[in-house]
Amino acid sequence: GMMQAERSHLPLKINTAGVIPPIFA
């Protein structure tokens, strides 16, 4: 039969760049 709609989430980190910006700068 018909399944229930699946729900998920897309995680977006507050600091996506990590330690790269201070190291690069």
PDBML (XML) file of the C-alpha atoms, coordinates in Angstrom:
<?xml version="1.0" encoding="UTF-8" ?>
<PDBx:datablock datablockName="MODEL"
   xmlns:PDBx="http://pdbml.pdb.org/schema/pdbx-v50.xsd"
   xmlns:xsi="http://www.w3.org/2001/XMLSchema-instance"
   xsi:schemaLocation="http://pdbml.pdb.org/schema/pdbx-v50.xsd pdbx-v50.xsd">
   <PDBx:atom_siteCategory>
      <PDBx:atom_site id="1">
         <PDBx:B_iso_or_equiv>0.00</PDBx:B_iso_or_equiv>
         <PDBx:Cartn_x>0.000</PDBx:Cartn_x>
         <PDBx:Cartn_y>0.000</PDBx:Cartn_y>
         <PDBx:Cartn_z>0.000</PDBx:Cartn_z>
         <PDBx:auth_asym_id>A</PDBx:auth_asym_id>
         <PDBx:auth_atom_id>CA</PDBx:auth_atom_id>
         <PDBx:auth_comp_id>GLY</PDBx:auth_comp_id>
         <PDBx:auth_seq_id>1</PDBx:auth_seq_id>
         <PDBx:group_PDB>ATOM</PDBx:group_PDB>
         <PDBx:label_alt_id xsi:nil="true" />
         <PDBx:label_asym_id>A</PDBx:label_asym_id>
         <PDBx:label_atom_id>CA</PDBx:label_atom_id>
         <PDBx:label_comp_id>GLY</PDBx:label_comp_id>
         <PDBx:label_entity_id>1</PDBx:label_entity_id>
         <PDBx:label_seq_id>1</PDBx:label_seq_id>
         <PDBx:occupancy>1.00</PDBx:occupancy>
         <PDBx:pdbx_PDB_model_num>1</PDBx:pdbx_PDB_model_num>
         <PDBx:type_symbol>C</PDBx:type_symbol>
      </PDBx:atom_site>
      <PDBx:atom_site id="2">
         <PDBx:B_iso_or_equiv>0.00</PDBx:B_iso_or_equiv>
         <PDBx:Cartn_x>0.884</PDBx:Cartn_x>
         <PDBx:Cartn_y>3.647</PDBx:Cartn_y>
         <PDBx:Cartn_z>0.341</PDBx:Cartn_z>
         <PDBx:auth_asym_id>A</PDBx:auth_asym_id>
         <PDBx:auth_atom_id>CA</PDBx:auth_atom_id>
         <PDBx:auth_comp_id>MET</PDBx:auth_comp_id>
         <PDBx:auth_seq_id>2</PDBx:auth_seq_id>
         <PDBx:group_PDB>ATOM</PDBx:group_PDB>
         <PDBx:label_alt_id xsi:nil="true" />
         <PDBx:label_asym_id>A</PDBx:label_asym_id>
         <PDBx:label_atom_id>CA</PDBx:label_atom_id>
         <PDBx:label_comp_id>MET</PDBx:label_comp_id>
         <PDBx:label_entity_id>1</PDBx:label_entity_id>
         <PDBx:label_seq_id>2</PDBx:label_seq_id>
         <PDBx:occupancy>1.00</PDBx:occupancy>
         <PDBx:pdbx_PDB_model_num>1</PDBx:pdbx_PDB_model_num>
         <PDBx:type_symbol>C</PDBx:type_symbol>
      </PDBx:atom_site>
      <PDBx:atom_site id="3">
         <PDBx:B_iso_or_equiv>0.00</PDBx:B_iso_or_equiv>
         <PDBx:Cartn_x>3.812</PDBx:Cartn_x>
         <PDBx:Cartn_y>4.488</PDBx:Cartn_y>
         <PDBx:Cartn_z>2.645</PDBx:Cartn_z>
         <PDBx:auth_asym_id>A</PDBx:auth_asym_id>
         <PDBx:auth_atom_id>CA</PDBx:auth_atom_id>
         <PDBx:auth_comp_id>MET</PDBx:auth_comp_id>
         <PDBx:auth_seq_id>3</PDBx:auth_seq_id>
         <PDBx:group_PDB>ATOM</PDBx:group_PDB>
         <PDBx:label_alt_id xsi:nil="true" />
         <PDBx:label_asym_id>A</PDBx:label_asym_id>
         <PDBx:label_atom_id>CA</PDBx:label_atom_id>
         <PDBx:label_comp_id>MET</PDBx:label_comp_id>
         <PDBx:label_entity_id>1</PDBx:label_entity_id>
         <PDBx:label_seq_id>3</PDBx:label_seq_id>
         <PDBx:occupancy>1.00</PDBx:occupancy>
         <PDBx:pdbx_PDB_model_num>1</PDBx:pdbx_PDB_model_num>
         <PDBx:type_symbol>C</PDBx:type_symbol>
      </PDBx:atom_site>
      <PDBx:atom_site id="4">
         <PDBx:B_iso_or_equiv>0.00</PDBx:B_iso_or_equiv>
         <PDBx:Cartn_x>3.930</PDBx:Cartn_x>
         <PDBx:Cartn_y>7.570</PDBx:Cartn_y>
         <PDBx:Cartn_z>4.828</PDBx:Cartn_z>
         <PDBx:auth_asym_id>A</PDBx:auth_asym_id>
         <PDBx:auth_atom_id>CA</PDBx:auth_atom_id>
         <PDBx:auth_comp_id>GLN</PDBx:auth_comp_id>
         <PDBx:auth_seq_id>4</PDBx:auth_seq_id>
         <PDBx:group_PDB>ATOM</PDBx:group_PDB>
         <PDBx:label_alt_id xsi:nil="true" />
         <PDBx:label_asym_id>A</PDBx:label_asym_id>
         <PDBx:label_atom_id>CA</PDBx:label_atom_id>
         <PDBx:label_comp_id>GLN</PDBx:label_comp_id>
         <PDBx:label_entity_id>1</PDBx:label_entity_id>
         <PDBx:label_seq_id>4</PDBx:label_seq_id>
         <PDBx:occupancy>1.00</PDBx:occupancy>
         <PDBx:pdbx_PDB_model_num>1</PDBx:pdbx_PDB_model_num>
         <PDBx:type_symbol>C</PDBx:type_symbol>
      </PDBx:atom_site>
      <PDBx:atom_site id="5">
         <PDBx:B_iso_or_equiv>0.00</PDBx:B_iso_or_equiv>
         <PDBx:Cartn_x>5.894</PDBx:Cartn_x>
         <PDBx:Cartn_y>10.510</PDBx:Cartn_y>
         <PDBx:Cartn_z>3.506</PDBx:Cartn_z>
         <PDBx:auth_asym_id>A</PDBx:auth_asym_id>
         <PDBx:auth_atom_id>CA</PDBx:auth_atom_id>
         <PDBx:auth_comp_id>ALA</PDBx:auth_comp_id>
         <PDBx:auth_seq_id>5</PDBx:auth_seq_id>
         <PDBx:group_PDB>ATOM</PDBx:group_PDB>
         <PDBx:label_alt_id xsi:nil="true" />
         <PDBx:label_asym_id>A</PDBx:label_asym_id>
         <PDBx:label_atom_id>CA</PDBx:label_atom_id>
         <PDBx:label_comp_id>ALA</PDBx:label_comp_id>
         <PDBx:label_entity_id>1</PDBx:label_entity_id>
         <PDBx:label_seq_id>5</PDBx:label_seq_id>
         <PDBx:occupancy>1.00</PDBx:occupancy>
         <PDBx:pdbx_PDB_model_num>1</PDBx:pdbx_PDB_model_num>
         <PDBx:type_symbol>C</PDBx:type_symbol>
      </PDBx:atom_site>
      <PDBx:atom_site id="6">
         <PDBx:B_iso_or_equiv>0.00</PDBx:B_iso_or_equiv>
         <PDBx:Cartn_x>9.532</PDBx:Cartn_x>
         <PDBx:Cartn_y>10.446</PDBx:Cartn_y>
         <PDBx:Cartn_z>4.639</PDBx:Cartn_z>
         <PDBx:auth_asym_id>A</PDBx:auth_asym_id>
         <PDBx:auth_atom_id>CA</PDBx:auth_atom_id>
         <PDBx:auth_comp_id>GLU</PDBx:auth_comp_id>
         <PDBx:auth_seq_id>6</PDBx:auth_seq_id>
         <PDBx:group_PDB>ATOM</PDBx:group_PDB>
         <PDBx:label_alt_id xsi:nil="true" />
         <PDBx:label_asym_id>A</PDBx:label_asym_id>
         <PDBx:label_atom_id>CA</PDBx:label_atom_id>
         <PDBx:label_comp_id>GLU</PDBx:label_comp_id>
         <PDBx:label_entity_id>1</PDBx:label_entity_id>
         <PDBx:label_seq_id>6</PDBx:label_seq_id>
         <PDBx:occupancy>1.00</PDBx:occupancy>
         <PDBx:pdbx_PDB_model_num>1</PDBx:pdbx_PDB_model_num>
         <PDBx:type_symbol>C</PDBx:type_symbol>
      </PDBx:atom_site>
      <PDBx:atom_site id="7">
         <PDBx:B_iso_or_equiv>0.00</PDBx:B_iso_or_equiv>
         <PDBx:Cartn_x>10.918</PDBx:Cartn_x>
         <PDBx:Cartn_y>13.384</PDBx:Cartn_y>
         <PDBx:Cartn_z>6.540</PDBx:Cartn_z>
         <PDBx:auth_asym_id>A</PDBx:auth_asym_id>
         <PDBx:auth_atom_id>CA</PDBx:auth_atom_id>
         <PDBx:auth_comp_id>ARG</PDBx:auth_comp_id>
         <PDBx:auth_seq_id>7</PDBx:auth_seq_id>
         <PDBx:group_PDB>ATOM</PDBx:group_PDB>
         <PDBx:label_alt_id xsi:nil="true" />
         <PDBx:label_asym_id>A</PDBx:label_asym_id>
         <PDBx:label_atom_id>CA</PDBx:label_atom_id>
         <PDBx:label_comp_id>ARG</PDBx:label_comp_id>
         <PDBx:label_entity_id>1</PDBx:label_entity_id>
         <PDBx:label_seq_id>7</PDBx:label_seq_id>
         <PDBx:occupancy>1.00</PDBx:occupancy>
         <PDBx:pdbx_PDB_model_num>1</PDBx:pdbx_PDB_model_num>
         <PDBx:type_symbol>C</PDBx:type_symbol>
      </PDBx:atom_site>
      <PDBx:atom_site id="8">
         <PDBx:B_iso_or_equiv>0.00</PDBx:B_iso_or_equiv>
         <PDBx:Cartn_x>14.546</PDBx:Cartn_x>
         <PDBx:Cartn_y>14.241</PDBx:Cartn_y>
         <PDBx:Cartn_z>6.962</PDBx:Cartn_z>
         <PDBx:auth_asym_id>A</PDBx:auth_asym_id>
         <PDBx:auth_atom_id>CA</PDBx:auth_atom_id>
         <PDBx:auth_comp_id>SER</PDBx:auth_comp_id>
         <PDBx:auth_seq_id>8</PDBx:auth_seq_id>
         <PDBx:group_PDB>ATOM</PDBx:group_PDB>
         <PDBx:label_alt_id xsi:nil="true" />
         <PDBx:label_asym_id>A</PDBx:label_asym_id>
         <PDBx:label_atom_id>CA</PDBx:label_atom_id>
         <PDBx:label_comp_id>SER</PDBx:label_comp_id>
         <PDBx:label_entity_id>1</PDBx:label_entity_id>
         <PDBx:label_seq_id>8</PDBx:label_seq_id>
         <PDBx:occupancy>1.00</PDBx:occupancy>
         <PDBx:pdbx_PDB_model_num>1</PDBx:pdbx_PDB_model_num>
         <PDBx:type_symbol>C</PDBx:type_symbol>
      </PDBx:atom_site>
      <PDBx:atom_site id="9">
         <PDBx:B_iso_or_equiv>0.00</PDBx:B_iso_or_equiv>
         <PDBx:Cartn_x>16.688</PDBx:Cartn_x>
         <PDBx:Cartn_y>17.314</PDBx:Cartn_y>
         <PDBx:Cartn_z>7.446</PDBx:Cartn_z>
         <PDBx:auth_asym_id>A</PDBx:auth_asym_id>
         <PDBx:auth_atom_id>CA</PDBx:auth_atom_id>
         <PDBx:auth_comp_id>HIS</PDBx:auth_comp_id>
         <PDBx:auth_seq_id>9</PDBx:auth_seq_id>
         <PDBx:group_PDB>ATOM</PDBx:group_PDB>
         <PDBx:label_alt_id xsi:nil="true" />
         <PDBx:label_asym_id>A</PDBx:label_asym_id>
         <PDBx:label_atom_id>CA</PDBx:label_atom_id>
         <PDBx:label_comp_id>HIS</PDBx:label_comp_id>
         <PDBx:label_entity_id>1</PDBx:label_entity_id>
         <PDBx:label_seq_id>9</PDBx:label_seq_id>
         <PDBx:occupancy>1.00</PDBx:occupancy>
         <PDBx:pdbx_PDB_model_num>1</PDBx:pdbx_PDB_model_num>
         <PDBx:type_symbol>C</PDBx:type_symbol>
      </PDBx:atom_site>
      <PDBx:atom_site id="10">
         <PDBx:B_iso_or_equiv>0.00</PDBx:B_iso_or_equiv>
         <PDBx:Cartn_x>19.622</PDBx:Cartn_x>
         <PDBx:Cartn_y>19.038</PDBx:Cartn_y>
         <PDBx:Cartn_z>5.743</PDBx:Cartn_z>
         <PDBx:auth_asym_id>A</PDBx:auth_asym_id>
         <PDBx:auth_atom_id>CA</PDBx:auth_atom_id>
         <PDBx:auth_comp_id>LEU</PDBx:auth_comp_id>
         <PDBx:auth_seq_id>10</PDBx:auth_seq_id>
         <PDBx:group_PDB>ATOM</PDBx:group_PDB>
         <PDBx:label_alt_id xsi:nil="true" />
         <PDBx:label_asym_id>A</PDBx:label_asym_id>
         <PDBx:label_atom_id>CA</PDBx:label_atom_id>
         <PDBx:label_comp_id>LEU</PDBx:label_comp_id>
         <PDBx:label_entity_id>1</PDBx:label_entity_id>
         <PDBx:label_seq_id>10</PDBx:label_seq_id>
         <PDBx:occupancy>1.00</PDBx:occupancy>
         <PDBx:pdbx_PDB_model_num>1</PDBx:pdbx_PDB_model_num>
         <PDBx:type_symbol>C</PDBx:type_symbol>
      </PDBx:atom_site>
      <PDBx:atom_site id="11">
         <PDBx:B_iso_or_equiv>0.00</PDBx:B_iso_or_equiv>
         <PDBx:Cartn_x>22.238</PDBx:Cartn_x>
         <PDBx:Cartn_y>19.994</PDBx:Cartn_y>
         <PDBx:Cartn_z>8.373</PDBx:Cartn_z>
         <PDBx:auth_asym_id>A</PDBx:auth_asym_id>
         <PDBx:auth_atom_id>CA</PDBx:auth_atom_id>
         <PDBx:auth_comp_id>PRO</PDBx:auth_comp_id>
         <PDBx:auth_seq_id>11</PDBx:auth_seq_id>
         <PDBx:group_PDB>ATOM</PDBx:group_PDB>
         <PDBx:label_alt_id xsi:nil="true" />
         <PDBx:label_asym_id>A</PDBx:label_asym_id>
         <PDBx:label_atom_id>CA</PDBx:label_atom_id>
         <PDBx:label_comp_id>PRO</PDBx:label_comp_id>
         <PDBx:label_entity_id>1</PDBx:label_entity_id>
         <PDBx:label_seq_id>11</PDBx:label_seq_id>
         <PDBx:occupancy>1.00</PDBx:occupancy>
         <PDBx:pdbx_PDB_model_num>1</PDBx:pdbx_PDB_model_num>
         <PDBx:type_symbol>C</PDBx:type_symbol>
      </PDBx:atom_site>
      <PDBx:atom_site id="12">
         <PDBx:B_iso_or_equiv>0.00</PDBx:B_iso_or_equiv>
         <PDBx:Cartn_x>24.023</PDBx:Cartn_x>
         <PDBx:Cartn_y>23.296</PDBx:Cartn_y>
         <PDBx:Cartn_z>7.744</PDBx:Cartn_z>
         <PDBx:auth_asym_id>A</PDBx:auth_asym_id>
         <PDBx:auth_atom_id>CA</PDBx:auth_atom_id>
         <PDBx:auth_comp_id>LEU</PDBx:auth_comp_id>
         <PDBx:auth_seq_id>12</PDBx:auth_seq_id>
         <PDBx:group_PDB>ATOM</PDBx:group_PDB>
         <PDBx:label_alt_id xsi:nil="true" />
         <PDBx:label_asym_id>A</PDBx:label_asym_id>
         <PDBx:label_atom_id>CA</PDBx:label_atom_id>
         <PDBx:label_comp_id>LEU</PDBx:label_comp_id>
         <PDBx:label_entity_id>1</PDBx:label_entity_id>
         <PDBx:label_seq_id>12</PDBx:label_seq_id>
         <PDBx:occupancy>1.00</PDBx:occupancy>
         <PDBx:pdbx_PDB_model_num>1</PDBx:pdbx_PDB_model_num>
         <PDBx:type_symbol>C</PDBx:type_symbol>
      </PDBx:atom_site>
      <PDBx:atom_site id="13">
         <PDBx:B_iso_or_equiv>0.00</PDBx:B_iso_or_equiv>
         <PDBx:Cartn_x>26.874</PDBx:Cartn_x>
         <PDBx:Cartn_y>23.964</PDBx:Cartn_y>
         <PDBx:Cartn_z>10.159</PDBx:Cartn_z>
         <PDBx:auth_asym_id>A</PDBx:auth_asym_id>
         <PDBx:auth_atom_id>CA</PDBx:auth_atom_id>
         <PDBx:auth_comp_id>LYS</PDBx:auth_comp_id>
         <PDBx:auth_seq_id>13</PDBx:auth_seq_id>
         <PDBx:group_PDB>ATOM</PDBx:group_PDB>
         <PDBx:label_alt_id xsi:nil="true" />
         <PDBx:label_asym_id>A</PDBx:label_asym_id>
         <PDBx:label_atom_id>CA</PDBx:label_atom_id>
         <PDBx:label_comp_id>LYS</PDBx:label_comp_id>
         <PDBx:label_entity_id>1</PDBx:label_entity_id>
         <PDBx:label_seq_id>13</PDBx:label_seq_id>
         <PDBx:occupancy>1.00</PDBx:occupancy>
         <PDBx:pdbx_PDB_model_num>1</PDBx:pdbx_PDB_model_num>
         <PDBx:type_symbol>C</PDBx:type_symbol>
      </PDBx:atom_site>
      <PDBx:atom_site id="14">
         <PDBx:B_iso_or_equiv>0.00</PDBx:B_iso_or_equiv>
         <PDBx:Cartn_x>27.195</PDBx:Cartn_x>
         <PDBx:Cartn_y>27.429</PDBx:Cartn_y>
         <PDBx:Cartn_z>11.661</PDBx:Cartn_z>
         <PDBx:auth_asym_id>A</PDBx:auth_asym_id>
         <PDBx:auth_atom_id>CA</PDBx:auth_atom_id>
         <PDBx:auth_comp_id>ILE</PDBx:auth_comp_id>
         <PDBx:auth_seq_id>14</PDBx:auth_seq_id>
         <PDBx:group_PDB>ATOM</PDBx:group_PDB>
         <PDBx:label_alt_id xsi:nil="true" />
         <PDBx:label_asym_id>A</PDBx:label_asym_id>
         <PDBx:label_atom_id>CA</PDBx:label_atom_id>
         <PDBx:label_comp_id>ILE</PDBx:label_comp_id>
         <PDBx:label_entity_id>1</PDBx:label_entity_id>
         <PDBx:label_seq_id>14</PDBx:label_seq_id>
         <PDBx:occupancy>1.00</PDBx:occupancy>
         <PDBx:pdbx_PDB_model_num>1</PDBx:pdbx_PDB_model_num>
         <PDBx:type_symbol>C</PDBx:type_symbol>
      </PDBx:atom_site>
      <PDBx:atom_site id="15">
         <PDBx:B_iso_or_equiv>0.00</PDBx:B_iso_or_equiv>
         <PDBx:Cartn_x>30.906</PDBx:Cartn_x>
         <PDBx:Cartn_y>27.273</PDBx:Cartn_y>
         <PDBx:Cartn_z>10.868</PDBx:Cartn_z>
         <PDBx:auth_asym_id>A</PDBx:auth_asym_id>
         <PDBx:auth_atom_id>CA</PDBx:auth_atom_id>
         <PDBx:auth_comp_id>ASN</PDBx:auth_comp_id>
         <PDBx:auth_seq_id>15</PDBx:auth_seq_id>
         <PDBx:group_PDB>ATOM</PDBx:group_PDB>
         <PDBx:label_alt_id xsi:nil="true" />
         <PDBx:label_asym_id>A</PDBx:label_asym_id>
         <PDBx:label_atom_id>CA</PDBx:label_atom_id>
         <PDBx:label_comp_id>ASN</PDBx:label_comp_id>
         <PDBx:label_entity_id>1</PDBx:label_entity_id>
         <PDBx:label_seq_id>15</PDBx:label_seq_id>
         <PDBx:occupancy>1.00</PDBx:occupancy>
         <PDBx:pdbx_PDB_model_num>1</PDBx:pdbx_PDB_model_num>
         <PDBx:type_symbol>C</PDBx:type_symbol>
      </PDBx:atom_site>
      <PDBx:atom_site id="16">
         <PDBx:B_iso_or_equiv>0.00</PDBx:B_iso_or_equiv>
         <PDBx:Cartn_x>30.965</PDBx:Cartn_x>
         <PDBx:Cartn_y>25.450</PDBx:Cartn_y>
         <PDBx:Cartn_z>7.542</PDBx:Cartn_z>
         <PDBx:auth_asym_id>A</PDBx:auth_asym_id>
         <PDBx:auth_atom_id>CA</PDBx:auth_atom_id>
         <PDBx:auth_comp_id>THR</PDBx:auth_comp_id>
         <PDBx:auth_seq_id>16</PDBx:auth_seq_id>
         <PDBx:group_PDB>ATOM</PDBx:group_PDB>
         <PDBx:label_alt_id xsi:nil="true" />
         <PDBx:label_asym_id>A</PDBx:label_asym_id>
         <PDBx:label_atom_id>CA</PDBx:label_atom_id>
         <PDBx:label_comp_id>THR</PDBx:label_comp_id>
         <PDBx:label_entity_id>1</PDBx:label_entity_id>
         <PDBx:label_seq_id>16</PDBx:label_seq_id>
         <PDBx:occupancy>1.00</PDBx:occupancy>
         <PDBx:pdbx_PDB_model_num>1</PDBx:pdbx_PDB_model_num>
         <PDBx:type_symbol>C</PDBx:type_symbol>
      </PDBx:atom_site>
      <PDBx:atom_site id="17">
         <PDBx:B_iso_or_equiv>0.00</PDBx:B_iso_or_equiv>
         <PDBx:Cartn_x>34.545</PDBx:Cartn_x>
         <PDBx:Cartn_y>26.534</PDBx:Cartn_y>
         <PDBx:Cartn_z>6.783</PDBx:Cartn_z>
         <PDBx:auth_asym_id>A</PDBx:auth_asym_id>
         <PDBx:auth_atom_id>CA</PDBx:auth_atom_id>
         <PDBx:auth_comp_id>ALA</PDBx:auth_comp_id>
         <PDBx:auth_seq_id>17</PDBx:auth_seq_id>
         <PDBx:group_PDB>ATOM</PDBx:group_PDB>
         <PDBx:label_alt_id xsi:nil="true" />
         <PDBx:label_asym_id>A</PDBx:label_asym_id>
         <PDBx:label_atom_id>CA</PDBx:label_atom_id>
         <PDBx:label_comp_id>ALA</PDBx:label_comp_id>
         <PDBx:label_entity_id>1</PDBx:label_entity_id>
         <PDBx:label_seq_id>17</PDBx:label_seq_id>
         <PDBx:occupancy>1.00</PDBx:occupancy>
         <PDBx:pdbx_PDB_model_num>1</PDBx:pdbx_PDB_model_num>
         <PDBx:type_symbol>C</PDBx:type_symbol>
      </PDBx:atom_site>
      <PDBx:atom_site id="18">
         <PDBx:B_iso_or_equiv>0.00</PDBx:B_iso_or_equiv>
         <PDBx:Cartn_x>36.012</PDBx:Cartn_x>
         <PDBx:Cartn_y>25.017</PDBx:Cartn_y>
         <PDBx:Cartn_z>9.973</PDBx:Cartn_z>
         <PDBx:auth_asym_id>A</PDBx:auth_asym_id>
         <PDBx:auth_atom_id>CA</PDBx:auth_atom_id>
         <PDBx:auth_comp_id>GLY</PDBx:auth_comp_id>
         <PDBx:auth_seq_id>18</PDBx:auth_seq_id>
         <PDBx:group_PDB>ATOM</PDBx:group_PDB>
         <PDBx:label_alt_id xsi:nil="true" />
         <PDBx:label_asym_id>A</PDBx:label_asym_id>
         <PDBx:label_atom_id>CA</PDBx:label_atom_id>
         <PDBx:label_comp_id>GLY</PDBx:label_comp_id>
         <PDBx:label_entity_id>1</PDBx:label_entity_id>
         <PDBx:label_seq_id>18</PDBx:label_seq_id>
         <PDBx:occupancy>1.00</PDBx:occupancy>
         <PDBx:pdbx_PDB_model_num>1</PDBx:pdbx_PDB_model_num>
         <PDBx:type_symbol>C</PDBx:type_symbol>
      </PDBx:atom_site>
      <PDBx:atom_site id="19">
         <PDBx:B_iso_or_equiv>0.00</PDBx:B_iso_or_equiv>
         <PDBx:Cartn_x>39.598</PDBx:Cartn_x>
         <PDBx:Cartn_y>26.018</PDBx:Cartn_y>
         <PDBx:Cartn_z>10.805</PDBx:Cartn_z>
         <PDBx:auth_asym_id>A</PDBx:auth_asym_id>
         <PDBx:auth_atom_id>CA</PDBx:auth_atom_id>
         <PDBx:auth_comp_id>VAL</PDBx:auth_comp_id>
         <PDBx:auth_seq_id>19</PDBx:auth_seq_id>
         <PDBx:group_PDB>ATOM</PDBx:group_PDB>
         <PDBx:label_alt_id xsi:nil="true" />
         <PDBx:label_asym_id>A</PDBx:label_asym_id>
         <PDBx:label_atom_id>CA</PDBx:label_atom_id>
         <PDBx:label_comp_id>VAL</PDBx:label_comp_id>
         <PDBx:label_entity_id>1</PDBx:label_entity_id>
         <PDBx:label_seq_id>19</PDBx:label_seq_id>
         <PDBx:occupancy>1.00</PDBx:occupancy>
         <PDBx:pdbx_PDB_model_num>1</PDBx:pdbx_PDB_model_num>
         <PDBx:type_symbol>C</PDBx:type_symbol>
      </PDBx:atom_site>
      <PDBx:atom_site id="20">
         <PDBx:B_iso_or_equiv>0.00</PDBx:B_iso_or_equiv>
         <PDBx:Cartn_x>40.414</PDBx:Cartn_x>
         <PDBx:Cartn_y>26.965</PDBx:Cartn_y>
         <PDBx:Cartn_z>7.215</PDBx:Cartn_z>
         <PDBx:auth_asym_id>A</PDBx:auth_asym_id>
         <PDBx:auth_atom_id>CA</PDBx:auth_atom_id>
         <PDBx:auth_comp_id>ILE</PDBx:auth_comp_id>
         <PDBx:auth_seq_id>20</PDBx:auth_seq_id>
         <PDBx:group_PDB>ATOM</PDBx:group_PDB>
         <PDBx:label_alt_id xsi:nil="true" />
         <PDBx:label_asym_id>A</PDBx:label_asym_id>
         <PDBx:label_atom_id>CA</PDBx:label_atom_id>
         <PDBx:label_comp_id>ILE</PDBx:label_comp_id>
         <PDBx:label_entity_id>1</PDBx:label_entity_id>
         <PDBx:label_seq_id>20</PDBx:label_seq_id>
         <PDBx:occupancy>1.00</PDBx:occupancy>
         <PDBx:pdbx_PDB_model_num>1</PDBx:pdbx_PDB_model_num>
         <PDBx:type_symbol>C</PDBx:type_symbol>
      </PDBx:atom_site>
      <PDBx:atom_site id="21">
         <PDBx:B_iso_or_equiv>0.00</PDBx:B_iso_or_equiv>
         <PDBx:Cartn_x>39.759</PDBx:Cartn_x>
         <PDBx:Cartn_y>30.766</PDBx:Cartn_y>
         <PDBx:Cartn_z>7.487</PDBx:Cartn_z>
         <PDBx:auth_asym_id>A</PDBx:auth_asym_id>
         <PDBx:auth_atom_id>CA</PDBx:auth_atom_id>
         <PDBx:auth_comp_id>PRO</PDBx:auth_comp_id>
         <PDBx:auth_seq_id>21</PDBx:auth_seq_id>
         <PDBx:group_PDB>ATOM</PDBx:group_PDB>
         <PDBx:label_alt_id xsi:nil="true" />
         <PDBx:label_asym_id>A</PDBx:label_asym_id>
         <PDBx:label_atom_id>CA</PDBx:label_atom_id>
         <PDBx:label_comp_id>PRO</PDBx:label_comp_id>
         <PDBx:label_entity_id>1</PDBx:label_entity_id>
         <PDBx:label_seq_id>21</PDBx:label_seq_id>
         <PDBx:occupancy>1.00</PDBx:occupancy>
         <PDBx:pdbx_PDB_model_num>1</PDBx:pdbx_PDB_model_num>
         <PDBx:type_symbol>C</PDBx:type_symbol>
      </PDBx:atom_site>
      <PDBx:atom_site id="22">
         <PDBx:B_iso_or_equiv>0.00</PDBx:B_iso_or_equiv>
         <PDBx:Cartn_x>42.183</PDBx:Cartn_x>
         <PDBx:Cartn_y>31.511</PDBx:Cartn_y>
         <PDBx:Cartn_z>10.366</PDBx:Cartn_z>
         <PDBx:auth_asym_id>A</PDBx:auth_asym_id>
         <PDBx:auth_atom_id>CA</PDBx:auth_atom_id>
         <PDBx:auth_comp_id>PRO</PDBx:auth_comp_id>
         <PDBx:auth_seq_id>22</PDBx:auth_seq_id>
         <PDBx:group_PDB>ATOM</PDBx:group_PDB>
         <PDBx:label_alt_id xsi:nil="true" />
         <PDBx:label_asym_id>A</PDBx:label_asym_id>
         <PDBx:label_atom_id>CA</PDBx:label_atom_id>
         <PDBx:label_comp_id>PRO</PDBx:label_comp_id>
         <PDBx:label_entity_id>1</PDBx:label_entity_id>
         <PDBx:label_seq_id>22</PDBx:label_seq_id>
         <PDBx:occupancy>1.00</PDBx:occupancy>
         <PDBx:pdbx_PDB_model_num>1</PDBx:pdbx_PDB_model_num>
         <PDBx:type_symbol>C</PDBx:type_symbol>
      </PDBx:atom_site>
      <PDBx:atom_site id="23">
         <PDBx:B_iso_or_equiv>0.00</PDBx:B_iso_or_equiv>
         <PDBx:Cartn_x>44.840</PDBx:Cartn_x>
         <PDBx:Cartn_y>29.200</PDBx:Cartn_y>
         <PDBx:Cartn_z>8.879</PDBx:Cartn_z>
         <PDBx:auth_asym_id>A</PDBx:auth_asym_id>
         <PDBx:auth_atom_id>CA</PDBx:auth_atom_id>
         <PDBx:auth_comp_id>ILE</PDBx:auth_comp_id>
         <PDBx:auth_seq_id>23</PDBx:auth_seq_id>
         <PDBx:group_PDB>ATOM</PDBx:group_PDB>
         <PDBx:label_alt_id xsi:nil="true" />
         <PDBx:label_asym_id>A</PDBx:label_asym_id>
         <PDBx:label_atom_id>CA</PDBx:label_atom_id>
         <PDBx:label_comp_id>ILE</PDBx:label_comp_id>
         <PDBx:label_entity_id>1</PDBx:label_entity_id>
         <PDBx:label_seq_id>23</PDBx:label_seq_id>
         <PDBx:occupancy>1.00</PDBx:occupancy>
         <PDBx:pdbx_PDB_model_num>1</PDBx:pdbx_PDB_model_num>
         <PDBx:type_symbol>C</PDBx:type_symbol>
      </PDBx:atom_site>
      <PDBx:atom_site id="24">
         <PDBx:B_iso_or_equiv>0.00</PDBx:B_iso_or_equiv>
         <PDBx:Cartn_x>44.499</PDBx:Cartn_x>
         <PDBx:Cartn_y>30.795</PDBx:Cartn_y>
         <PDBx:Cartn_z>5.451</PDBx:Cartn_z>
         <PDBx:auth_asym_id>A</PDBx:auth_asym_id>
         <PDBx:auth_atom_id>CA</PDBx:auth_atom_id>
         <PDBx:auth_comp_id>PHE</PDBx:auth_comp_id>
         <PDBx:auth_seq_id>24</PDBx:auth_seq_id>
         <PDBx:group_PDB>ATOM</PDBx:group_PDB>
         <PDBx:label_alt_id xsi:nil="true" />
         <PDBx:label_asym_id>A</PDBx:label_asym_id>
         <PDBx:label_atom_id>CA</PDBx:label_atom_id>
         <PDBx:label_comp_id>PHE</PDBx:label_comp_id>
         <PDBx:label_entity_id>1</PDBx:label_entity_id>
         <PDBx:label_seq_id>24</PDBx:label_seq_id>
         <PDBx:occupancy>1.00</PDBx:occupancy>
         <PDBx:pdbx_PDB_model_num>1</PDBx:pdbx_PDB_model_num>
         <PDBx:type_symbol>C</PDBx:type_symbol>
      </PDBx:atom_site>
      <PDBx:atom_site id="25">
         <PDBx:B_iso_or_equiv>0.00</PDBx:B_iso_or_equiv>
         <PDBx:Cartn_x>44.505</PDBx:Cartn_x>
         <PDBx:Cartn_y>34.337</PDBx:Cartn_y>
         <PDBx:Cartn_z>6.866</PDBx:Cartn_z>
         <PDBx:auth_asym_id>A</PDBx:auth_asym_id>
         <PDBx:auth_atom_id>CA</PDBx:auth_atom_id>
         <PDBx:auth_comp_id>ALA</PDBx:auth_comp_id>
         <PDBx:auth_seq_id>25</PDBx:auth_seq_id>
         <PDBx:group_PDB>ATOM</PDBx:group_PDB>
         <PDBx:label_alt_id xsi:nil="true" />
         <PDBx:label_asym_id>A</PDBx:label_asym_id>
         <PDBx:label_atom_id>CA</PDBx:label_atom_id>
         <PDBx:label_comp_id>ALA</PDBx:label_comp_id>
         <PDBx:label_entity_id>1</PDBx:label_entity_id>
         <PDBx:label_seq_id>25</PDBx:label_seq_id>
         <PDBx:occupancy>1.00</PDBx:occupancy>
         <PDBx:pdbx_PDB_model_num>1</PDBx:pdbx_PDB_model_num>
         <PDBx:type_symbol>C</PDBx:type_symbol>
      </PDBx:atom_site>
   </PDBx:atom_siteCategory>
</PDBx:datablock>
